[in-house]
Amino acid sequence: MKVYGRNVINELLNNPEKIRKVYLSKTIKDKNFLIHIKEKKVKYELVNNKILDGMVKGNHQGIVAVIDDYTYVDYKSMIGDNIIVILDHLEDPHNFGAIIRTCEAAGIKSIIIPKDRSVSITETVVKTSTGALEYVNIAMVTNLVNVIKDLKTNGYFVYGAEADGTPSINCNYNDLSVLIIGSEGNGLSRLVRENCDEIISLPMKGHVNSLNASVAAGILIYDMIRKND
């Protein structure tokens, strides 16, 4: 996998064993990057910007790294965390990356995604998360409903985000909570919704009737942690 951008690679350098090689622009102005890479004993090569342009799409900022593919964790290792976020067939990697970043900022370490018909960890997700992926665990599962049922048997109360639910401001969140965010186009899938303990929503007072998935997730996450503090 190729990732790029200074913030992302700065965070990756905290775990240099994941980095196979770094490609740096010969004209890069920040020489501290090269010093840092040498200190971490990471393989590197100085190349022309044209080569970097051909390696990735986007503003690479003069640095591209080849890293190992992402290693997903077992969702059972998340049991015991106060809040777990589940993404129900989210498709947009930018939304996924933004949600990872919000979770990390809010102190949430656990996110679960389904294996099929869902965005996975891609170069775009890594870039959008701006290094936050290094501090968050992602589990990929074959059956979301079975996982939800298992979490419920372990004391979790499951909240699904949907437009017709109880206003989030009126919710008294459980100490062990699961927040489920649906897909951009279809929201929560039927079986996932049926297995939620409560459907929650955000008030819509304008002319639009929905929010971007990552925006809605961010508001609900902070509402949840505020009431759990």
Protein backbone atom coordinates (compact mmCIF):
# COMPACT_ATOMS: atom_id res chain seq x y z
CA MET A 1 0.00 0.00 0.00
CA LYS A 2 1.25 3.49 -0.85
CA VAL A 3 0.49 6.40 1.46
CA TYR A 4 1.57 10.00 1.26
CA GLY A 5 1.56 13.31 3.08
CA ARG A 6 3.78 14.54 5.88
CA ASN A 7 1.33 14.17 8.77
CA VAL A 8 0.47 10.60 7.84
CA ILE A 9 4.07 9.51 7.44
CA ASN A 10 5.16 11.34 10.59
CA GLU A 11 2.73 9.15 12.54
CA LEU A 12 3.85 6.03 10.70
CA LEU A 13 7.43 6.73 11.73
CA ASN A 14 6.32 6.03 15.31
CA ASN A 15 6.00 2.40 14.14
CA PRO A 16 8.78 2.19 11.54
CA GLU A 17 8.54 -1.59 11.22
CA LYS A 18 5.37 -1.07 9.14
CA ILE A 19 7.26 0.97 6.53
CA ARG A 20 8.94 -0.89 3.68
CA LYS A 21 10.43 2.15 1.97
CA VAL A 22 10.07 5.93 1.78
CA TYR A 23 10.43 7.94 -1.42
CA LEU A 24 11.44 11.57 -0.88
CA SER A 25 11.54 14.39 -3.36
CA LYS A 26 15.04 15.56 -4.18
CA THR A 27 13.74 19.11 -3.78
CA ILE A 28 12.00 18.65 -0.43
CA LYS A 29 12.68 21.68 1.76
CA ASP A 30 12.10 20.10 5.16
CA LYS A 31 15.39 18.32 5.73
CA ASN A 32 14.23 17.23 9.19
CA PHE A 33 12.12 14.59 7.46
CA LEU A 34 15.22 12.94 6.06
CA ILE A 35 16.96 13.16 9.43
CA HIS A 36 13.95 11.56 11.13
CA ILE A 37 13.82 8.76 8.56
CA LYS A 38 17.52 8.03 9.04
CA GLU A 39 17.10 7.98 12.81
CA LYS A 40 14.34 5.40 12.46
CA LYS A 41 16.56 3.32 10.13
CA VAL A 42 13.91 3.24 7.42
CA LYS A 43 14.91 2.52 3.82
CA TYR A 44 14.55 5.58 1.62
CA GLU A 45 15.28 6.90 -1.83
CA LEU A 46 15.55 10.43 -3.18
CA VAL A 47 13.62 10.75 -6.44
CA ASN A 48 12.28 13.35 -8.85
CA ASN A 49 8.82 14.80 -8.27
CA LYS A 50 7.67 13.27 -11.55
CA ILE A 51 8.20 9.81 -10.09
CA LEU A 52 6.20 10.70 -6.97
CA ASP A 53 3.42 12.14 -9.17
CA GLY A 54 3.16 8.78 -10.91
CA MET A 55 3.04 6.80 -7.68
CA VAL A 56 -0.07 8.35 -6.11
CA LYS A 57 -3.00 10.58 -6.94
CA GLY A 58 -3.15 13.69 -4.80
CA ASN A 59 -0.82 16.14 -3.12
CA HIS A 60 2.01 13.94 -1.91
CA GLN A 61 3.91 16.92 -0.39
CA GLY A 62 7.16 15.43 -1.62
CA ILE A 63 6.94 12.16 0.29
CA VAL A 64 5.45 8.73 -0.43
CA ALA A 65 5.80 5.61 1.68
CA VAL A 66 5.20 1.98 0.81
CA ILE A 67 3.76 0.24 3.86
CA ASP A 68 2.40 -3.17 4.80
CA ASP A 69 -1.30 -3.74 4.20
CA TYR A 70 -3.46 -2.94 7.20
CA THR A 71 -3.86 -5.70 9.81
CA TYR A 72 -7.41 -5.94 11.17
CA VAL A 73 -8.03 -7.03 14.75
CA ASP A 74 -10.51 -9.53 16.22
CA TYR A 75 -13.59 -7.62 17.35
CA LYS A 76 -13.67 -9.68 20.56
CA SER A 77 -10.56 -7.81 21.67
CA MET A 78 -12.74 -4.67 21.77
CA ILE A 79 -15.15 -6.04 24.36
CA GLY A 80 -14.77 -3.95 27.48
CA ASP A 81 -14.28 -0.64 25.69
CA ASN A 82 -16.91 1.88 26.75
CA ILE A 83 -17.88 2.85 23.20
CA ILE A 84 -17.62 0.84 19.99
CA VAL A 85 -18.52 2.32 16.61
CA ILE A 86 -19.96 0.10 13.88
CA LEU A 87 -20.18 1.26 10.26
CA ASP A 88 -23.03 -0.47 8.44
CA HIS A 89 -21.78 -0.78 4.83
CA LEU A 90 -20.27 2.68 4.58
CA GLU A 91 -18.93 3.18 1.05
CA ASP A 92 -17.05 6.50 0.92
CA PRO A 93 -13.38 6.24 1.97
CA HIS A 94 -13.33 9.95 2.83
CA ASN A 95 -16.20 9.43 5.28
CA PHE A 96 -14.43 6.42 6.75
CA GLY A 97 -11.17 8.30 7.20
CA ALA A 98 -12.97 11.26 8.78
CA ILE A 99 -14.79 8.97 11.22
CA ILE A 100 -11.52 7.29 12.20
CA ARG A 101 -10.04 10.72 12.87
CA THR A 102 -13.04 11.77 14.98
CA CYS A 103 -12.99 8.54 16.97
CA GLU A 104 -9.31 8.93 17.77
CA ALA A 105 -9.78 12.56 18.80
CA ALA A 106 -12.67 11.54 21.06
CA GLY A 107 -10.71 8.71 22.67
CA ILE A 108 -12.65 5.91 20.96
CA LYS A 109 -10.32 3.09 19.91
CA SER A 110 -12.66 0.52 18.35
CA ILE A 111 -14.42 0.49 14.97
CA ILE A 112 -16.11 -2.48 13.31
CA ILE A 113 -16.86 -2.78 9.59
CA PRO A 114 -18.39 -5.58 7.49
CA LYS A 115 -16.31 -7.54 5.02
CA ASP A 116 -18.67 -7.25 2.06
CA ARG A 117 -20.17 -4.20 0.34
CA SER A 118 -18.18 -1.82 2.49
CA VAL A 119 -15.18 0.44 2.28
CA SER A 120 -12.01 -1.08 3.71
CA ILE A 121 -8.67 0.43 4.68
CA THR A 122 -7.34 1.99 1.49
CA GLU A 123 -4.72 4.61 0.67
CA THR A 124 -7.46 7.25 0.66
CA VAL A 125 -8.69 6.19 4.10
CA VAL A 126 -5.16 6.34 5.50
CA LYS A 127 -4.62 9.79 3.99
CA THR A 128 -7.98 11.17 5.18
CA SER A 129 -7.47 9.87 8.71
CA THR A 130 -4.32 12.04 8.88
CA GLY A 131 -2.40 9.54 10.98
CA ALA A 132 -5.25 8.71 13.37
CA LEU A 133 -5.42 5.16 12.02
CA GLU A 134 -2.22 4.40 13.93
CA TYR A 135 -4.13 4.77 17.21
CA VAL A 136 -7.47 3.12 16.38
CA ASN A 137 -8.29 -0.58 16.01
CA ILE A 138 -10.42 -1.73 13.08
CA ALA A 139 -12.16 -5.10 13.00
CA MET A 140 -13.59 -6.55 9.78
CA VAL A 141 -16.37 -9.11 10.29
CA THR A 142 -18.42 -11.35 8.03
CA ASN A 143 -21.77 -10.85 9.77
CA LEU A 144 -22.63 -7.59 11.52
CA VAL A 145 -25.85 -8.90 13.04
CA ASN A 146 -24.09 -11.79 14.78
CA VAL A 147 -21.49 -9.38 16.14
CA ILE A 148 -24.18 -7.02 17.41
CA LYS A 149 -25.93 -9.89 19.19
CA ASP A 150 -22.64 -10.96 20.77
CA LEU A 151 -21.92 -7.43 21.99
CA LYS A 152 -25.39 -7.24 23.51
CA THR A 153 -24.78 -10.45 25.45
CA ASN A 154 -21.65 -8.77 26.81
CA GLY A 155 -23.64 -5.87 28.25
CA TYR A 156 -23.62 -3.37 25.38
CA PHE A 157 -26.63 -1.23 24.52
CA VAL A 158 -26.85 -0.67 20.78
CA TYR A 159 -27.83 2.69 19.28
CA GLY A 160 -28.52 3.00 15.57
CA ALA A 161 -28.42 6.41 13.89
CA GLU A 162 -31.41 7.10 11.66
CA ALA A 163 -33.50 10.14 10.77
CA ASP A 164 -36.70 8.92 12.50
CA GLY A 165 -35.22 8.07 15.89
CA THR A 166 -35.31 9.52 19.39
CA PRO A 167 -33.48 12.87 19.50
CA SER A 168 -29.96 12.20 20.69
CA ILE A 169 -30.22 15.02 23.23
CA ASN A 170 -32.91 13.02 25.05
CA CYS A 171 -30.85 9.82 25.30
CA ASN A 172 -29.22 8.58 28.47
CA TYR A 173 -26.44 6.48 27.03
CA ASN A 174 -25.42 3.22 28.62
CA ASP A 175 -21.93 2.87 30.11
CA LEU A 176 -21.21 0.24 27.46
CA SER A 177 -22.52 1.61 24.17
CA VAL A 178 -22.39 0.71 20.49
CA LEU A 179 -23.08 3.43 17.93
CA ILE A 180 -24.04 2.25 14.45
CA ILE A 181 -23.75 4.58 11.46
CA GLY A 182 -25.51 3.48 8.27
CA SER A 183 -24.42 3.77 4.67
CA GLU A 184 -24.50 7.05 2.79
CA GLY A 185 -27.36 6.07 0.50
CA ASN A 186 -29.49 3.59 2.42
CA GLY A 187 -28.87 4.23 6.10
CA LEU A 188 -29.11 1.23 8.41
CA SER A 189 -29.77 -2.13 6.79
CA ARG A 190 -33.01 -3.79 7.85
CA LEU A 191 -31.59 -6.57 10.02
CA VAL A 192 -29.08 -4.26 11.67
CA ARG A 193 -31.85 -1.81 12.52
CA GLU A 194 -34.04 -4.58 13.92
CA ASN A 195 -31.24 -5.59 16.29
CA CYS A 196 -30.63 -2.09 17.65
CA ASP A 197 -31.88 -1.38 21.17
CA GLU A 198 -32.72 2.21 20.27
CA ILE A 199 -32.80 4.36 17.15
CA ILE A 200 -31.44 7.85 17.69
CA SER A 201 -31.39 10.93 15.50
CA LEU A 202 -30.23 14.51 15.19
CA PRO A 203 -32.79 17.33 14.80
CA MET A 204 -33.13 18.61 11.24
CA LYS A 205 -34.39 22.21 11.30
CA GLY A 206 -33.27 23.27 7.83
CA HIS A 207 -34.39 22.32 4.35
CA VAL A 208 -32.09 19.29 4.05
CA ASN A 209 -33.21 16.07 5.70
CA SER A 210 -29.88 14.38 6.34
CA LEU A 211 -26.25 14.99 7.21
CA ASN A 212 -23.06 13.60 5.75
CA ALA A 213 -22.30 10.28 7.50
CA SER A 214 -19.03 11.47 9.01
CA VAL A 215 -20.59 14.73 10.24
CA ALA A 216 -23.49 12.90 11.87
CA ALA A 217 -21.09 10.39 13.40
CA GLY A 218 -18.96 13.18 14.83
CA ILE A 219 -21.89 14.93 16.50
CA LEU A 220 -23.29 11.72 17.95
CA ILE A 221 -19.89 10.51 19.17
CA TYR A 222 -19.25 13.70 21.09
CA ASP A 223 -22.78 13.71 22.47
CA MET A 224 -22.24 10.15 23.64
CA ILE A 225 -18.90 10.75 25.34
CA ARG A 226 -20.16 13.97 26.94
CA LYS A 227 -22.99 12.09 28.63
CA ASN A 228 -20.70 9.21 29.59
CA ASP A 229 -18.18 11.49 31.34
